Protein backbone atom coordinates (compact mmCIF):
# COMPACT_ATOMS: atom_id res chain seq x y z
CA MET A 1 140.95 76.10 99.18
CA ASN A 2 137.96 73.96 100.03
CA ARG A 3 137.76 71.18 97.43
CA ILE A 4 137.06 67.48 97.01
CA ILE A 5 139.61 65.63 94.90
CA ALA A 6 138.51 62.00 95.08
CA PHE A 7 135.69 59.90 96.40
CA MET A 8 134.54 56.32 96.77
CA ILE A 9 131.00 55.12 97.43
CA VAL A 10 130.50 51.51 98.49
CA SER A 11 127.15 49.89 99.34
CA ASN A 12 127.04 48.57 102.88
CA ASN A 13 126.56 44.98 101.77
CA ILE A 14 130.17 45.01 100.49
CA ASN A 15 132.99 44.53 102.95
CA CYS A 16 135.35 47.41 102.20
CA SER A 17 138.60 46.24 103.75
CA ASN A 18 141.67 48.31 104.46
CA ASP A 19 143.35 46.61 101.51
CA GLY A 20 140.49 47.72 99.27
CA ASN A 21 140.95 51.31 100.34
CA LYS A 22 144.77 51.37 100.10
CA PRO A 23 144.96 53.50 96.91
CA LEU A 24 142.94 56.33 98.52
CA GLN A 25 144.88 56.08 101.78
CA TYR A 26 148.18 56.19 99.93
CA LEU A 27 147.16 59.26 97.89
CA CYS A 28 146.06 61.08 101.07
CA GLN A 29 149.41 60.45 102.73
CA ARG A 30 151.45 61.24 99.60
CA PHE A 31 149.75 64.58 98.93
CA ASN A 32 148.86 65.50 102.54
CA LYS A 33 145.09 65.45 102.05
CA ASN A 34 142.27 64.67 104.46
CA ILE A 35 139.94 61.69 104.21
CA SER A 36 136.56 61.34 105.85
CA LYS A 37 134.05 58.47 105.99
CA ILE A 38 130.28 59.04 106.17
CA LYS A 39 127.89 56.15 106.55
CA THR A 40 124.24 56.28 105.46
CA ASP A 41 121.57 53.57 105.65
CA TYR A 42 122.68 52.09 102.34
CA PHE A 43 126.16 53.41 101.45
CA THR A 44 129.51 54.39 102.91
CA LEU A 45 131.11 57.47 101.41
CA HIS A 46 134.87 58.07 101.49
CA VAL A 47 135.90 61.60 100.57
CA VAL A 48 139.44 62.94 99.94
CA TYR A 49 139.55 66.71 100.36
CA GLU A 50 141.23 69.95 101.35
CA GLY A 51 139.67 72.43 103.75
CA LYS A 52 136.57 71.92 105.85
CA ILE A 53 134.40 68.87 105.14
CA GLY A 54 131.32 70.62 106.51
CA GLU A 55 131.54 73.24 103.77
CA LEU A 56 132.00 70.62 101.04
CA LEU A 57 129.10 68.30 101.77
CA ASN A 58 125.53 69.56 101.56
CA GLN A 59 123.32 67.30 103.69
CA GLU A 60 119.56 67.80 103.61
CA ASN A 61 116.55 65.52 104.07
CA ASP A 62 118.85 62.44 104.37
CA ASN A 63 120.47 63.33 101.05
CA ILE A 64 124.16 64.10 100.58
CA HIS A 65 125.29 66.37 97.72
CA PHE A 66 128.87 67.18 96.78
CA CYS A 67 130.97 68.24 93.80
CA LEU A 68 134.39 67.47 92.39
CA GLY A 69 136.12 70.05 90.25
CA GLN A 70 134.72 73.53 89.62
CA TYR A 71 130.96 74.07 89.68
CA ASN A 72 130.12 77.77 89.56
CA ASN A 73 126.47 78.86 89.68
CA LYS A 74 127.28 82.50 90.54
CA TRP A 75 128.02 83.62 87.00
CA LYS A 76 125.45 84.94 84.63
CA SER A 77 123.15 82.25 83.26
CA ALA A 78 125.26 81.59 80.11
CA TYR A 79 128.05 80.26 82.32
CA VAL A 80 126.22 78.27 84.99
CA LEU A 81 128.36 75.19 84.37
CA SER A 82 132.06 75.98 84.17
CA ASP A 83 135.28 73.99 84.10
CA ARG A 84 135.62 70.32 84.99
CA PHE A 85 132.92 69.08 87.34
CA LEU A 86 131.19 65.99 88.65
CA LEU A 87 128.07 66.40 90.74
CA VAL A 88 127.20 63.55 93.10
CA THR A 89 124.06 62.94 95.14
CA ILE A 90 123.42 60.09 97.55
CA SER A 91 119.66 59.67 98.08
CA ASN A 92 118.43 56.66 100.04
CA ASP A 93 119.33 53.59 97.95
CA ARG A 94 120.47 55.62 94.90
CA VAL A 95 123.60 57.43 93.80
CA ILE A 96 123.27 60.06 91.06
CA CYS A 97 126.35 61.27 89.17
CA THR A 98 126.19 64.14 86.66
CA SER A 99 129.27 64.76 84.49
CA ASP A 100 130.46 67.73 82.49
CA TYR A 101 130.10 67.57 78.71
CA VAL A 102 133.50 65.87 78.31
CA GLY A 103 133.28 63.49 81.25
CA SER A 104 136.67 64.91 82.23
CA ILE A 105 136.36 63.62 85.80
CA PRO A 106 135.86 59.91 85.32
CA VAL A 107 133.34 57.75 87.13
CA PHE A 108 134.29 54.06 87.36
CA TYR A 109 131.64 51.71 88.67
CA SER A 110 130.72 48.09 89.34
CA LEU A 111 127.19 46.91 90.14
CA ARG A 112 128.03 43.20 90.28
CA GLU A 113 127.76 42.60 94.01
CA GLY A 114 126.32 45.88 95.14
CA VAL A 115 127.49 49.40 94.25
CA VAL A 116 131.13 50.54 94.01
CA ILE A 117 131.71 53.99 92.46
CA SER A 118 134.85 56.15 92.36
CA ASN A 119 136.89 58.50 90.21
CA ILE A 120 139.93 56.41 91.19
CA GLU A 121 139.87 53.22 89.19
CA PRO A 122 142.10 50.98 91.44
CA VAL A 123 139.63 51.14 94.39
CA VAL A 124 136.85 49.83 92.16
CA ILE A 125 139.11 46.94 91.15
CA THR A 126 139.98 46.09 94.76
CA ASN A 127 136.42 46.41 96.14
CA SER A 128 134.53 44.40 93.49
CA SER A 129 136.10 40.94 93.97
CA THR A 130 138.03 41.24 90.72
CA SER A 131 139.68 38.01 89.54
CA GLU A 132 141.65 36.84 86.52
CA HIS A 133 138.36 35.64 84.98
CA ASP A 134 137.14 39.24 84.84
CA ILE A 135 139.80 40.39 82.41
CA SER A 136 138.22 41.77 79.26
CA TYR A 137 140.65 40.81 76.50
CA ASP A 138 138.82 42.78 73.81
CA SER A 139 139.14 45.93 75.93
CA PHE A 140 142.75 44.98 76.65
CA PHE A 141 143.34 44.87 72.87
CA GLY A 142 141.80 48.30 72.33
CA PHE A 143 143.90 49.81 75.14
CA MET A 144 147.14 48.29 73.78
CA LYS A 145 146.32 49.43 70.24
CA PHE A 146 145.17 53.02 70.88
CA SER A 147 146.87 53.74 74.23
CA HIS A 148 143.53 54.65 75.82
CA LEU A 149 140.11 53.26 76.60
CA ILE A 150 137.48 54.03 73.98
CA TRP A 151 134.00 54.52 75.37
CA GLU A 152 132.52 53.02 78.57
CA GLU A 153 134.62 49.86 78.77
CA THR A 154 137.50 49.14 81.16
CA LEU A 155 139.94 46.23 81.25
CA TYR A 156 137.43 44.28 83.38
CA LYS A 157 134.11 42.79 82.30
CA HIS A 158 132.26 43.98 85.42
CA ILE A 159 133.70 47.49 85.67
CA PHE A 160 132.59 50.36 83.42
CA SER A 161 133.04 54.10 83.14
CA GLN A 162 130.23 56.63 82.88
CA GLU A 163 129.72 58.17 79.46
CA PRO A 164 130.48 61.87 78.97
CA ASP A 165 127.74 64.54 79.16
CA SER A 166 125.43 62.26 81.12
CA ARG A 167 123.56 61.67 84.33
CA TYR A 168 123.65 58.16 85.71
CA THR A 169 121.45 56.86 88.50
CA TYR A 170 122.94 53.88 90.29
CA THR A 171 120.28 52.06 92.34
CA LEU A 172 121.18 49.32 94.82
CA GLY A 173 119.96 45.94 93.65
CA THR A 174 120.07 46.72 89.90
CA LYS A 175 122.69 45.54 87.42
CA GLU A 176 122.58 48.58 85.10
CA PRO A 177 122.51 52.30 85.85
CA LYS A 178 119.74 54.47 84.44
CA LYS A 179 121.41 56.63 81.80
CA THR A 180 120.37 60.14 80.72
CA ASP A 181 122.09 61.90 77.83
CA LEU A 182 122.28 65.59 78.77
CA LYS A 183 122.77 66.83 75.18
CA SER A 184 124.75 69.88 76.35
CA ILE A 185 126.34 70.28 72.91
CA LYS A 186 124.19 71.14 69.90
CA ALA A 187 125.00 71.99 66.27
CA SER A 188 123.52 75.17 64.86
CA ASN A 189 123.85 77.46 61.83
CA ASP A 190 124.27 80.66 63.84
CA ARG A 191 127.69 81.64 62.36
CA ILE A 192 127.98 79.66 59.13
CA TYR A 193 127.59 82.79 57.02
CA LYS A 194 129.81 85.05 59.15
CA SER A 195 133.00 86.50 57.71
CA ASP A 196 136.51 85.88 59.00
CA ILE A 197 136.48 89.20 60.84
CA GLU A 198 133.12 88.51 62.47
CA VAL A 199 134.10 85.03 63.64
CA ALA A 200 137.41 86.34 64.99
CA LYS A 201 135.61 89.09 66.92
CA ASP A 202 133.05 86.68 68.44
CA LEU A 203 135.75 84.27 69.58
CA TYR A 204 137.88 87.11 70.90
CA ARG A 205 135.04 88.24 73.13
CA LEU A 206 134.25 84.71 74.31
CA ASN A 207 137.87 83.82 75.06
CA LYS A 208 138.44 87.05 76.95
CA ASP A 209 135.24 86.52 78.98
CA LEU A 210 135.96 82.87 79.81
CA VAL A 211 139.61 83.40 80.80
CA GLN A 212 139.18 86.57 82.83
CA ASN A 213 136.05 85.32 84.66
CA ALA A 214 137.81 82.05 85.53
CA LEU A 215 141.10 83.60 86.76
CA LEU A 216 140.22 86.95 88.32
CA PRO A 217 139.38 85.51 91.76
CA TYR A 218 142.94 84.16 92.27
CA LYS A 219 146.03 85.92 93.57
CA GLU A 220 148.76 83.77 92.01
CA ILE A 221 148.21 81.92 88.73
CA VAL A 222 150.64 79.42 87.22
CA LEU A 223 150.51 78.88 83.45
CA PRO A 224 152.63 76.18 81.82
CA LEU A 225 153.36 78.11 78.62
CA SER A 226 154.26 76.34 75.37
CA ALA A 227 154.51 77.31 71.71
CA GLY A 228 150.97 76.11 71.06
CA TYR A 229 147.76 78.05 70.63
CA ASP A 230 146.09 76.72 73.77
CA SER A 231 148.18 78.41 76.47
CA ARG A 232 148.64 81.39 74.15
CA MET A 233 144.89 81.98 74.23
CA ILE A 234 145.11 82.30 78.00
CA ILE A 235 148.06 84.70 78.12
CA ALA A 236 146.53 86.81 75.35
CA ALA A 237 143.23 87.23 77.23
CA CYS A 238 145.12 88.01 80.46
CA SER A 239 147.12 90.68 78.62
CA GLU A 240 144.07 92.97 78.56
CA ASN A 241 143.80 93.09 82.33
CA GLU A 242 146.86 94.61 83.99
CA GLY A 243 146.00 93.31 87.44
CA LEU A 244 145.56 89.76 86.13
CA LEU A 245 148.77 89.95 84.13
CA LYS A 246 150.74 90.79 87.29
CA ARG A 247 149.39 87.67 89.01
CA LEU A 248 150.39 85.37 86.14
CA LYS A 249 153.59 83.31 86.32
CA CYS A 250 154.64 81.30 83.27
CA PHE A 251 156.94 78.28 83.17
CA THR A 252 158.22 76.22 80.25
CA TYR A 253 160.18 72.96 80.14
CA GLY A 254 162.24 71.70 77.22
CA SER A 255 165.69 72.19 75.71
CA GLU A 256 166.90 75.79 75.48
CA ASN A 257 166.65 75.92 71.70
CA SER A 258 163.34 74.14 71.37
CA VAL A 259 160.43 75.98 69.77
CA GLU A 260 158.54 75.59 73.07
CA VAL A 261 161.10 77.59 75.05
CA ILE A 262 161.87 80.19 72.38
CA ALA A 263 158.19 81.01 71.76
CA ALA A 264 157.27 81.11 75.45
CA LYS A 265 160.15 83.46 76.23
CA GLU A 266 159.16 85.82 73.41
CA LEU A 267 155.47 85.79 74.41
CA CYS A 268 156.29 86.73 77.96
CA LYS A 269 158.63 89.47 76.81
CA VAL A 270 155.88 90.94 74.58
CA TYR A 271 153.33 90.96 77.39
CA GLY A 272 155.67 91.72 80.30
CA VAL A 273 154.88 88.50 82.17
CA TYR A 274 157.01 86.61 84.70
CA TRP A 275 158.67 83.63 82.97
CA ARG A 276 161.14 80.88 83.86
CA HIS A 277 162.67 78.05 81.88
CA ILE A 278 162.52 74.80 83.81
CA GLU A 279 165.06 72.05 83.17
CA LEU A 280 163.57 68.72 84.11
CA PRO A 281 166.06 66.35 85.81
CA CYS A 282 164.18 63.46 84.11
CA GLN A 283 163.88 61.41 87.26
CA PHE A 284 160.10 61.11 87.09
CA LEU A 285 160.18 57.30 86.75
CA GLU A 286 161.47 57.03 90.30
CA ARG A 287 158.94 55.37 92.59
CA HIS A 288 158.41 58.65 94.46
CA TYR A 289 156.72 60.01 91.29
CA LEU A 290 155.52 56.74 89.82
CA ASN A 291 153.52 55.38 92.72
CA PRO A 292 151.04 58.25 92.89
CA ILE A 293 150.41 58.05 89.14
CA LEU A 294 149.75 54.31 89.42
CA ASN A 295 147.32 54.88 92.31
CA ILE A 296 145.49 57.74 90.56
CA PHE A 297 145.01 56.04 87.19
CA GLY A 298 145.52 52.31 87.68
CA SER A 299 144.90 50.57 84.35
CA SER A 300 142.66 53.36 83.00
CA LEU A 301 145.33 55.57 81.40
CA HIS A 302 148.62 55.41 79.49
CA LEU A 303 151.12 56.50 82.13
CA HIS A 304 152.73 59.42 80.33
CA GLY A 305 151.77 62.03 82.95
CA MET A 306 154.57 61.24 85.38
CA TYR A 307 156.73 64.20 84.42
CA GLN A 308 153.97 66.60 85.51
CA LEU A 309 154.75 65.93 89.15
CA GLU A 310 158.45 66.59 88.62
CA PHE A 311 157.57 69.79 86.71
CA TRP A 312 155.41 71.03 89.57
CA GLU A 313 158.13 70.23 92.10
CA LYS A 314 160.54 72.45 90.18
CA ILE A 315 158.01 75.27 89.94
CA LYS A 316 157.08 75.49 93.64
CA PRO A 317 160.24 77.29 94.85
CA PHE A 318 159.35 80.27 92.62
CA LEU A 319 155.84 80.75 93.99
CA GLU A 320 155.08 83.47 96.50
CA THR A 321 151.73 82.51 98.04
CA ASP A 322 150.50 79.38 99.81
CA SER A 323 147.35 79.20 97.66
CA PRO A 324 148.32 79.32 93.95
CA VAL A 325 146.19 77.88 91.18
CA LEU A 326 147.33 76.33 87.94
CA THR A 327 145.63 77.08 84.66
CA SER A 328 145.98 75.35 81.32
CA GLY A 329 144.53 75.06 77.83
CA PHE A 330 143.04 71.64 78.59
CA MET A 331 140.11 71.16 76.18
CA THR A 332 140.96 74.27 74.16
CA GLY A 333 142.36 73.02 70.86
CA VAL A 334 140.42 69.81 70.15
CA PRO A 335 136.96 71.39 70.65
CA ALA A 336 138.07 74.07 68.14
CA GLY A 337 138.67 71.50 65.38
CA GLN A 338 142.37 70.82 65.93
CA HIS A 339 142.24 67.29 64.51
CA VAL A 340 139.55 67.45 61.81
CA SER A 341 142.09 67.11 59.00
CA LYS A 342 144.22 64.59 60.90
CA LEU A 343 141.29 62.23 61.48
CA LYS A 344 140.32 62.33 57.78
CA ILE A 345 136.75 61.17 58.45
CA GLN A 346 134.93 61.67 55.14
CA ASN A 347 131.48 60.27 55.84
CA LYS A 348 129.41 58.21 58.26
CA ASN A 349 130.85 54.98 56.80
CA SER A 350 134.55 55.92 57.24
CA SER A 351 136.60 53.53 59.38
CA LEU A 352 137.03 55.13 62.80
CA THR A 353 139.82 52.77 63.87
CA GLU A 354 141.72 53.84 60.78
CA ALA A 355 141.02 57.48 61.68
CA MET A 356 142.48 56.96 65.18
CA GLU A 357 145.56 55.32 63.70
CA ASN A 358 146.62 58.75 62.43
CA PHE A 359 147.70 59.61 66.00
CA SER A 360 151.24 58.63 66.99
CA GLN A 361 150.23 56.76 70.12
CA SER A 362 148.09 54.40 68.01
CA LYS A 363 151.12 53.40 65.98
CA TYR A 364 153.17 51.69 68.70
CA TRP A 365 151.70 48.33 67.66
CA LYS A 366 150.69 47.29 64.16
CA ASN A 367 147.44 45.30 64.16
CA ASP A 368 149.00 42.03 62.99
CA GLU A 369 151.95 42.48 65.35
CA LEU A 370 149.63 42.89 68.32
CA ILE A 371 147.57 39.83 67.36
CA ARG A 372 150.74 37.73 67.01
CA ALA A 373 152.16 38.96 70.31
CA PHE A 374 149.24 37.82 72.49
CA ASP A 375 147.50 34.47 72.05
CA PHE A 376 144.18 35.84 73.29
CA PHE A 377 143.95 38.66 70.66
CA ASP A 378 142.25 38.29 67.29
CA GLN A 379 140.93 40.33 64.38
CA LYS A 380 137.38 40.39 65.84
CA MET A 381 138.69 42.63 68.63
CA LEU A 382 139.56 45.34 66.12
CA ASP A 383 135.99 45.08 64.84
CA LEU A 384 134.66 45.55 68.36
CA ALA A 385 136.91 48.59 68.83
CA GLU A 386 135.30 50.01 65.66
CA LYS A 387 131.83 49.47 67.17
CA ARG A 388 132.84 51.28 70.38
CA PHE A 389 134.25 54.22 68.43
CA LYS A 390 131.02 54.23 66.42
CA LYS A 391 128.95 54.69 69.59
CA ALA A 392 130.83 57.88 70.34
CA PHE A 393 130.69 59.12 66.76
CA ASP A 394 126.95 58.51 66.36
CA ARG A 395 126.00 60.10 69.65
CA PHE A 396 126.24 63.62 68.27
CA ASP A 397 123.95 64.85 65.51
CA GLY A 398 125.65 67.27 63.13
CA ARG A 399 127.85 67.62 60.05
CA ILE A 400 130.71 65.12 59.59
CA ASP A 401 133.33 67.69 60.62
CA GLN A 402 131.30 68.56 63.75
CA LYS A 403 130.85 64.86 64.61
CA SER A 404 134.60 64.41 64.13
CA VAL A 405 135.29 67.04 66.77
CA LEU A 406 133.02 65.52 69.41
CA PHE A 407 134.24 62.05 68.52
CA ASP A 408 137.79 63.19 69.25
CA VAL A 409 136.76 64.96 72.47
CA TRP A 410 134.77 62.01 73.81
CA THR A 411 137.29 59.28 73.04
CA ARG A 412 140.97 60.22 72.77
CA GLN A 413 140.90 63.59 74.56
CA ARG A 414 138.75 62.39 77.45
CA ASN A 415 140.61 59.11 77.99
CA PHE A 416 144.14 60.16 77.11
CA ILE A 417 144.91 63.86 77.41
CA SER A 418 142.99 64.18 80.70
CA TYR A 419 146.17 63.02 82.46
CA HIS A 420 147.21 66.69 82.86
CA PRO A 421 144.47 68.02 85.19
CA ARG A 422 143.88 64.60 86.80
CA THR A 423 147.56 64.50 87.87
CA LEU A 424 148.19 68.07 88.92
CA GLU A 425 144.93 68.57 90.83
CA TRP A 426 146.52 66.54 93.64
CA GLU A 427 149.16 69.23 94.01
CA VAL A 428 147.27 72.41 93.19
CA PRO A 429 143.75 73.54 92.21
CA VAL A 430 143.54 73.38 88.40
CA ILE A 431 141.48 75.96 86.48
CA SER A 432 140.60 75.19 82.84
CA PRO A 433 138.82 78.28 81.48
CA HIS A 434 137.74 76.69 78.20
CA MET A 435 136.45 73.43 79.70
CA THR A 436 132.83 74.43 79.37
CA ALA A 437 129.95 73.58 77.02
CA VAL A 438 129.69 77.29 76.15
CA TYR A 439 133.10 77.14 74.49
CA GLN A 440 132.39 73.90 72.66
CA ASN A 441 129.00 75.11 71.46
CA PHE A 442 130.62 78.18 69.89
CA PHE A 443 132.54 75.98 67.49
CA MET A 444 129.45 73.98 66.67
CA THR A 445 127.98 77.17 65.12
CA LEU A 446 130.83 77.61 62.59
CA ASN A 447 131.06 76.56 58.98
CA GLU A 448 133.52 73.85 58.01
CA LYS A 449 136.19 76.33 56.86
CA HIS A 450 136.26 78.09 60.24
CA LEU A 451 136.11 74.86 62.26
CA LYS A 452 138.73 72.87 60.43
CA ASP A 453 142.22 72.90 62.02
CA ARG A 454 141.42 75.72 64.47
CA LYS A 455 140.97 78.31 61.73
CA ALA A 456 138.80 80.48 63.99
CA ILE A 457 141.54 80.59 66.63
CA GLU A 458 144.13 81.58 64.05
CA LEU A 459 141.84 84.37 62.84
CA MET A 460 141.34 85.62 66.38
CA PHE A 461 145.12 85.92 66.84
CA GLN A 462 145.65 87.58 63.48
CA TYR A 463 142.95 90.25 63.96
CA HIS A 464 143.12 90.85 67.73
CA TYR A 465 146.57 89.75 68.94
CA PRO A 466 149.00 90.46 66.07
CA ASP A 467 152.04 90.49 68.41
CA ALA A 468 151.21 86.98 69.59
CA ALA A 469 150.40 85.85 66.02
CA ALA A 470 153.91 86.91 64.91
CA ILE A 471 155.59 84.52 67.37
CA ILE A 472 156.43 81.04 66.20
CA SER A 473 154.01 78.23 67.06
CA ASN A 474 153.97 74.47 66.55
CA SER A 475 150.20 74.15 66.61
CA ASN A 476 149.85 73.85 62.84
CA GLY A 477 153.24 72.81 61.61
CA THR A 478 156.11 74.97 62.84
CA GLN A 479 155.34 78.52 61.83
CA SER A 480 154.01 81.86 62.93
CA LEU A 481 150.71 83.22 61.65
CA THR A 482 152.03 86.51 60.38
CA ASN A 483 155.87 86.57 60.51
CA HIS A 484 156.77 85.34 57.01
CA LEU A 485 160.51 85.86 57.48
CA ASP A 486 160.58 83.52 60.49
CA ASN A 487 158.51 80.97 58.59
CA MET A 488 160.99 81.04 55.67
CA LEU A 489 164.02 80.70 57.97
CA LEU A 490 162.41 77.78 59.81
CA PHE A 491 161.75 76.08 56.51
CA TYR A 492 165.36 76.44 55.46
CA SER A 493 166.63 75.29 58.88
CA ARG A 494 164.80 71.97 58.47
CA ILE A 495 166.59 71.50 55.16
CA MET A 496 169.93 72.32 56.79
CA LYS A 497 169.33 69.74 59.53
CA LYS A 498 168.56 67.04 57.00
CA ILE A 499 171.96 67.54 55.35
CA ASN A 500 173.76 67.79 58.77
CA LEU A 501 174.49 71.52 58.63
CA GLU A 502 173.03 72.39 62.07
CA LEU A 503 176.09 74.42 63.02
CA ILE A 504 175.21 77.23 60.61
CA ILE A 505 171.61 77.55 61.84
CA PRO A 506 170.89 80.42 64.28
CA LYS A 507 169.78 79.08 67.68
CA LYS A 508 166.30 80.57 67.30
CA TYR A 509 165.59 78.32 64.32
CA LEU A 510 167.19 75.06 65.54
CA ASP A 511 163.82 73.68 66.65
CA GLN A 512 165.38 71.11 68.95
CA PRO A 513 162.99 68.33 70.02
CA VAL A 514 161.76 68.09 73.63
CA LEU A 515 163.00 64.72 74.84
CA PHE A 516 162.80 63.43 78.39
CA ASP A 517 161.22 59.95 78.26
CA ILE A 518 164.36 58.01 77.32
CA PRO A 519 166.59 59.98 79.75
CA ALA A 520 164.11 59.12 82.52
CA LEU A 521 164.22 55.44 81.61
CA SER A 522 168.00 55.52 81.42
CA HIS A 523 168.02 56.95 84.95
CA SER A 524 165.56 54.56 86.59
CA LYS A 525 166.04 51.42 84.42
CA LYS A 526 163.59 48.56 85.08
CA SER A 527 162.47 49.90 88.46
CA GLY A 528 160.87 52.78 86.57
CA LEU A 529 158.56 50.29 84.83
CA PHE A 530 157.09 48.81 88.00
CA PRO A 531 155.43 46.30 88.23
CA LEU A 532 156.43 44.88 84.82
CA PHE A 533 159.79 43.56 86.04
CA ASP A 534 159.09 43.32 89.76
CA SER A 535 160.15 39.98 91.27
CA LYS A 536 156.96 39.91 93.39
CA ARG A 537 154.53 40.66 90.55
CA SER A 538 151.38 38.61 90.51
CA THR A 539 151.03 35.27 88.71
CA VAL A 540 148.35 36.79 86.49
CA LEU A 541 150.76 39.49 85.38
CA LYS A 542 153.55 37.04 84.73
CA GLN A 543 151.37 34.84 82.59
CA ILE A 544 149.95 37.59 80.40
CA PHE A 545 153.29 39.15 79.45
CA SER A 546 155.30 35.93 79.31
CA GLU A 547 155.52 35.49 75.55
CA ILE A 548 155.94 38.93 73.99
CA GLY A 549 159.69 39.45 74.29
CA ILE A 550 159.44 42.19 76.88
CA GLU A 551 163.17 42.15 77.57
CA GLN A 552 163.90 42.97 73.93
CA ILE A 553 161.32 45.80 73.95
CA TYR A 554 163.01 47.17 77.09
CA ASP A 555 166.47 46.99 75.49
CA ASN A 556 165.19 48.80 72.38
CA ALA A 557 163.67 51.56 74.54
CA LEU A 558 166.87 51.93 76.53
CA ASN A 559 168.70 52.42 73.25
CA GLY A 560 166.43 55.33 72.31
CA ASP A 561 163.50 53.63 70.51
CA LEU A 562 160.51 55.86 71.39
CA LYS A 563 158.04 53.41 69.92
CA ALA A 564 159.34 50.71 72.24
CA TYR A 565 159.12 53.09 75.19
CA GLY A 566 155.46 53.80 74.23
CA LYS A 567 154.74 50.06 74.25
CA LEU A 568 156.23 49.78 77.73
CA CYS A 569 154.11 52.67 79.05
CA ILE A 570 150.92 51.01 77.84
CA MET A 571 151.93 47.65 79.28
CA GLN A 572 152.88 49.28 82.56
CA ALA A 573 149.41 50.79 82.95
CA VAL A 574 147.78 47.40 82.25
CA ALA A 575 150.26 45.66 84.53
CA TYR A 576 149.40 47.78 87.57
CA GLY A 577 145.72 46.80 87.35
CA LEU A 578 146.58 43.17 86.78
CA ASN A 579 148.96 43.22 89.71
CA LEU A 580 146.01 44.05 91.99
CA ILE A 581 144.37 40.75 90.99
CA GLN A 582 145.16 37.50 92.73
CA SER A 583 144.97 34.30 90.70
CA GLU A 584 143.20 31.25 92.08
CA ASP A 585 146.59 29.64 92.76
CA GLU A 586 147.80 32.47 95.02
């Protein structure tokens, strides 16, 4: 398939050395991709791609246009913009980047010494003369606390990321890009008075249309199938097209008696779909898997996506064509109101940092613990994190529940959960049927009852896919939507486990947890946390993590402490970026 996966644009006044381009070169070699360099009067463009470069770049009147992700203008007008996309134009001394409504393909940039722009953060670090004096400790605090960046900041004072749903114009010689808010998402009252049945029917039609239009062109489609609603929406929509169903192959990882595996197996049996259970060897912290993740994300993302590469490696032997695509429910649940109740945002004055602390990955460090652990952290940094969250929250005009949804999409989901497509797109084209403003705008027409906690999705399953609704899910607790017997037995099984009577619980109701992080750490030990314990790590890195008791955190993780493992993952992401920086003494 012809596609561009990564790019870097550097103004010609900056000396882009081989060292500065190492992350892109490594990724090309690791994933067997092509790289081309095109020089204009003002910029040098580096493009990582598959296929024919001449069909990927549109050059006219000294302008260069190209696209990352999926950009489909062949559909009817309602679906002009589909899936993840980033449109880029180089025009004389300007670069124009237009993002999708989520900003799901990131744009990192520095305008300090010229122009450096890329979707791969490490090359912006290495090509913008980054030093230890550029470390942004307030951004560092936010990353350590919430496990992700918040808005447009990075861990460096001179490097930023483009806001979602925006068009930025980067002009050579300026210190700030020109920013245009595209306002692709709008609140409306179109469905606030509709009944349950009417809302379910509207979503049924939209879901079927989005999924089938997105997947019909492909001959072999891989769906990682879980117990959740997101992947279930895809298999349900495919079930109404026999030809599409035959091209679908589903895979699930996890222990044999986990809800994930049990539900996926039953769904595929109901719909007659190919399915396999994948046992992960839990070796994904080996450098063979770890190095590409570090080079893709640098210090921009909590490194919990490593197991995706191992998962894909185990899937490949079961595929029959040389051009499969992978589909997923990326940006399916959160736009539908998945976390409205979890966030607990009551009004415009609610604390947004407290709202984010309801997520497990924001609980690795307590605020006072984090401030005590690092001399350069203080309470004011939490206040600044609040202001950054506030920028995202205030950007959308709507009811509090609607604002909560976009707030979640534009902060946590964009900067944390995006690891899935951003990892696997290096191995296989990734199709995300629901990653479109059309889908998000549907939920902005609902009343609070239908938006809260994915109620509309549950109604769609109950009225239009009763067989799927009867199968256990973990999307809203652990239950099915219609099978009350299963729900009762699951409830009793949890009681039995609490009093150590697992042996009398039928396998279907054991609900074993899916655990692979600690086994992976046990396998790879300290080498799996590169560069935290590397003997050749930079002086900057050594100094920053010298006083926090990292050996004790490591020992706790090795003994099964998942919170300690989470801390190490965050520090590892930060450490890789810091390891690219040379101190003045080196």
